[in-house]
């Protein structure tokens, strides 16, 4: 005969839903850490890349406009699984920043879900265009960008990081009737 146990918190499993929320305390530090770790391990971008991420996050934390700029965190059972940020470039243009899906959450459609949430918000607040910068090695993210209608409009080879990279500028015209 087993003795009943009294649990104060329900058990969490991989079957729990992935939820998206606005950022809270601790999320900015997590984004910085995970970008630093993942981009060093996967692409050897080094501490200068991590410093850029820190600046983007600091600028957002100190001065974002919650009506037109947003940072989403994907999480399941208290574990952060991804992020994406939208910041104002000008009155008609927004910039996508810091798109990340943790390796263990890839293949679950989370990247597409984060992107759809960002696009819905972007249209709702009236932006006409979204731009982003990435490197040509980020194949999974680039496939998502293409699928939702972003197109590469410029490439530059540079040595700002620990290794040479091909940086790409992408844009999505939200006024185009063919835009998803």
Protein backbone atom coordinates (compact mmCIF):
# COMPACT_ATOMS: atom_id res chain seq x y z
CA UNK A 1 0.00 0.00 0.00
CA UNK A 2 1.45 3.36 -0.97
CA UNK A 3 1.26 6.49 1.10
CA UNK A 4 -0.34 9.48 -0.63
CA UNK A 5 1.93 12.43 -1.15
CA UNK A 6 0.94 16.06 -0.94
CA UNK A 7 2.37 18.03 -3.81
CA UNK A 8 2.25 21.78 -3.62
CA UNK A 9 2.93 22.27 -7.34
CA UNK A 10 1.64 20.23 -10.28
CA UNK A 11 4.17 18.10 -12.11
CA UNK A 12 5.43 19.63 -15.32
CA UNK A 13 6.19 17.61 -18.43
CA UNK A 14 7.40 18.15 -21.97
CA UNK A 15 3.71 18.00 -22.93
CA UNK A 16 2.99 21.27 -21.13
CA UNK A 17 2.18 24.02 -23.63
CA UNK A 18 4.78 26.52 -24.72
CA UNK A 19 3.59 29.99 -23.81
CA UNK A 20 4.69 33.41 -25.05
CA UNK A 21 4.85 36.40 -22.73
CA UNK A 22 6.38 39.85 -22.46
CA UNK A 23 9.74 40.03 -20.75
CA UNK A 24 10.11 40.13 -16.98
CA UNK A 25 13.06 40.53 -14.60
CA UNK A 26 15.80 38.03 -15.43
CA UNK A 27 14.89 37.61 -19.10
CA UNK A 28 17.36 40.20 -20.38
CA UNK A 29 20.23 38.51 -18.56
CA UNK A 30 19.13 35.14 -19.93
CA UNK A 31 19.01 36.45 -23.51
CA UNK A 32 22.50 37.89 -23.17
CA UNK A 33 23.91 34.69 -21.70
CA UNK A 34 22.29 32.37 -24.25
CA UNK A 35 23.30 34.50 -27.24
CA UNK A 36 26.86 34.64 -25.94
CA UNK A 37 27.03 30.88 -25.32
CA UNK A 38 25.22 29.67 -28.44
CA UNK A 39 26.86 32.04 -30.90
CA UNK A 40 30.31 31.27 -29.50
CA UNK A 41 29.74 27.50 -29.56
CA UNK A 42 28.15 27.46 -33.01
CA UNK A 43 29.89 30.27 -34.86
CA UNK A 44 32.87 31.48 -32.74
CA UNK A 45 31.61 35.07 -32.82
CA UNK A 46 33.37 35.94 -29.58
CA UNK A 47 32.96 38.57 -26.88
CA UNK A 48 32.46 41.51 -29.26
CA UNK A 49 29.25 39.86 -30.47
CA UNK A 50 28.13 39.38 -26.88
CA UNK A 51 28.87 43.07 -26.24
CA UNK A 52 26.62 44.02 -29.18
CA UNK A 53 23.82 41.89 -27.71
CA UNK A 54 24.36 43.58 -24.33
CA UNK A 55 24.04 47.01 -25.94
CA UNK A 56 20.86 46.08 -27.81
CA UNK A 57 19.34 44.72 -24.60
CA UNK A 58 20.47 47.68 -22.51
CA UNK A 59 19.07 50.20 -24.99
CA UNK A 60 15.75 48.34 -25.03
CA UNK A 61 15.55 47.97 -21.24
CA UNK A 62 16.31 51.63 -20.61
CA UNK A 63 14.25 53.27 -23.33
CA UNK A 64 11.71 51.09 -25.14
CA UNK A 65 8.26 52.28 -26.10
CA UNK A 66 5.87 49.47 -25.03
CA UNK A 67 3.22 50.70 -27.48
CA UNK A 68 5.52 50.13 -30.49
CA UNK A 69 8.33 47.87 -29.28
CA UNK A 70 8.17 44.48 -27.67
CA UNK A 71 10.24 41.57 -26.41
CA UNK A 72 8.62 38.13 -26.28
CA UNK A 73 9.86 35.17 -24.29
CA UNK A 74 8.77 31.64 -25.08
CA UNK A 75 8.68 29.36 -22.05
CA UNK A 76 7.37 26.04 -20.87
CA UNK A 77 7.03 25.13 -17.23
CA UNK A 78 9.22 28.06 -16.22
CA UNK A 79 12.03 27.16 -18.64
CA UNK A 80 12.87 29.79 -21.25
CA UNK A 81 12.95 28.36 -24.76
CA UNK A 82 13.23 31.35 -27.07
CA UNK A 83 12.99 35.07 -27.67
CA UNK A 84 12.36 37.69 -30.30
CA UNK A 85 12.41 41.47 -30.08
CA UNK A 86 10.91 44.23 -32.19
CA UNK A 87 12.26 47.79 -31.95
CA UNK A 88 11.35 50.99 -33.75
CA UNK A 89 13.71 52.01 -36.53
CA UNK A 90 11.59 54.97 -37.65
CA UNK A 91 7.88 55.86 -37.91
CA UNK A 92 7.24 53.26 -40.61
CA UNK A 93 10.00 50.70 -40.03
CA UNK A 94 10.63 48.21 -37.25
CA UNK A 95 13.75 46.10 -36.67
CA UNK A 96 13.63 42.46 -35.65
CA UNK A 97 16.32 41.65 -33.03
CA UNK A 98 17.58 38.75 -30.94
CA UNK A 99 15.57 35.90 -32.47
CA UNK A 100 16.58 32.74 -30.63
CA UNK A 101 15.19 29.25 -30.16
CA UNK A 102 16.96 26.94 -27.72
CA UNK A 103 18.39 23.81 -29.36
CA UNK A 104 16.06 21.48 -27.44
CA UNK A 105 13.00 23.44 -28.67
CA UNK A 106 13.93 23.46 -32.35
CA UNK A 107 11.64 21.55 -34.67
CA UNK A 108 8.54 22.26 -32.56
CA UNK A 109 7.33 25.21 -34.66
CA UNK A 110 8.38 27.68 -31.97
CA UNK A 111 10.40 29.87 -34.34
CA UNK A 112 7.42 30.19 -36.65
CA UNK A 113 5.15 30.96 -33.71
CA UNK A 114 7.47 33.69 -32.40
CA UNK A 115 7.68 35.17 -35.89
CA UNK A 116 3.88 35.11 -36.35
CA UNK A 117 3.39 36.85 -33.01
CA UNK A 118 5.93 39.52 -33.97
CA UNK A 119 4.32 40.05 -37.41
CA UNK A 120 0.82 40.34 -35.92
CA UNK A 121 2.03 42.98 -33.46
CA UNK A 122 3.96 44.82 -36.17
CA UNK A 123 0.88 45.13 -38.36
CA UNK A 124 -1.38 46.03 -35.44
CA UNK A 125 0.77 49.01 -34.44
CA UNK A 126 1.05 50.26 -38.02
CA UNK A 127 4.58 49.58 -39.20
CA UNK A 128 4.90 49.30 -42.98
CA UNK A 129 8.25 47.51 -43.11
CA UNK A 130 10.46 45.26 -40.99
CA UNK A 131 14.23 44.92 -41.36
CA UNK A 132 16.74 42.58 -39.78
CA UNK A 133 20.42 41.74 -39.87
CA UNK A 134 21.74 38.19 -39.68
CA UNK A 135 24.67 36.09 -40.86
CA UNK A 136 24.50 33.66 -43.75
CA UNK A 137 25.25 30.64 -41.52
CA UNK A 138 21.96 30.79 -39.61
CA UNK A 139 20.13 28.43 -41.97
CA UNK A 140 17.09 27.60 -39.80
CA UNK A 141 16.34 31.25 -39.00
CA UNK A 142 16.90 32.24 -42.62
CA UNK A 143 14.35 29.62 -43.76
CA UNK A 144 11.77 31.12 -41.39
CA UNK A 145 12.54 34.64 -42.63
CA UNK A 146 12.08 33.54 -46.24
CA UNK A 147 8.89 31.63 -45.48
CA UNK A 148 7.22 34.73 -43.99
CA UNK A 149 8.30 36.95 -46.88
CA UNK A 150 11.61 38.57 -45.88
CA UNK A 151 14.10 39.03 -48.71
CA UNK A 152 17.84 39.69 -48.63
CA UNK A 153 18.63 43.12 -50.04
CA UNK A 154 22.31 43.50 -49.10
CA UNK A 155 25.28 41.38 -48.05
CA UNK A 156 28.61 42.45 -46.56
CA UNK A 157 31.66 40.42 -45.65
CA UNK A 158 33.27 41.78 -42.50
CA UNK A 159 35.58 40.97 -39.60
CA UNK A 160 33.81 42.62 -36.66
CA UNK A 161 33.61 39.34 -34.76
CA UNK A 162 36.27 36.77 -33.90
CA UNK A 163 35.88 35.19 -37.34
CA UNK A 164 34.98 36.65 -40.75
CA UNK A 165 31.23 36.49 -41.53
CA UNK A 166 28.87 37.36 -44.33
CA UNK A 167 26.28 39.67 -42.83
CA UNK A 168 22.92 39.94 -44.56
CA UNK A 169 20.34 42.72 -44.44
CA UNK A 170 16.78 41.48 -44.92
CA UNK A 171 13.49 43.36 -45.25
CA UNK A 172 9.79 42.66 -45.43
CA UNK A 173 7.38 45.14 -47.02
CA UNK A 174 4.14 44.80 -45.06
CA UNK A 175 2.25 46.87 -47.64
CA UNK A 176 2.91 44.24 -50.33
CA UNK A 177 -0.35 42.32 -50.91
CA UNK A 178 1.72 39.15 -51.32
CA UNK A 179 3.23 39.49 -47.81
CA UNK A 180 1.97 36.71 -45.51
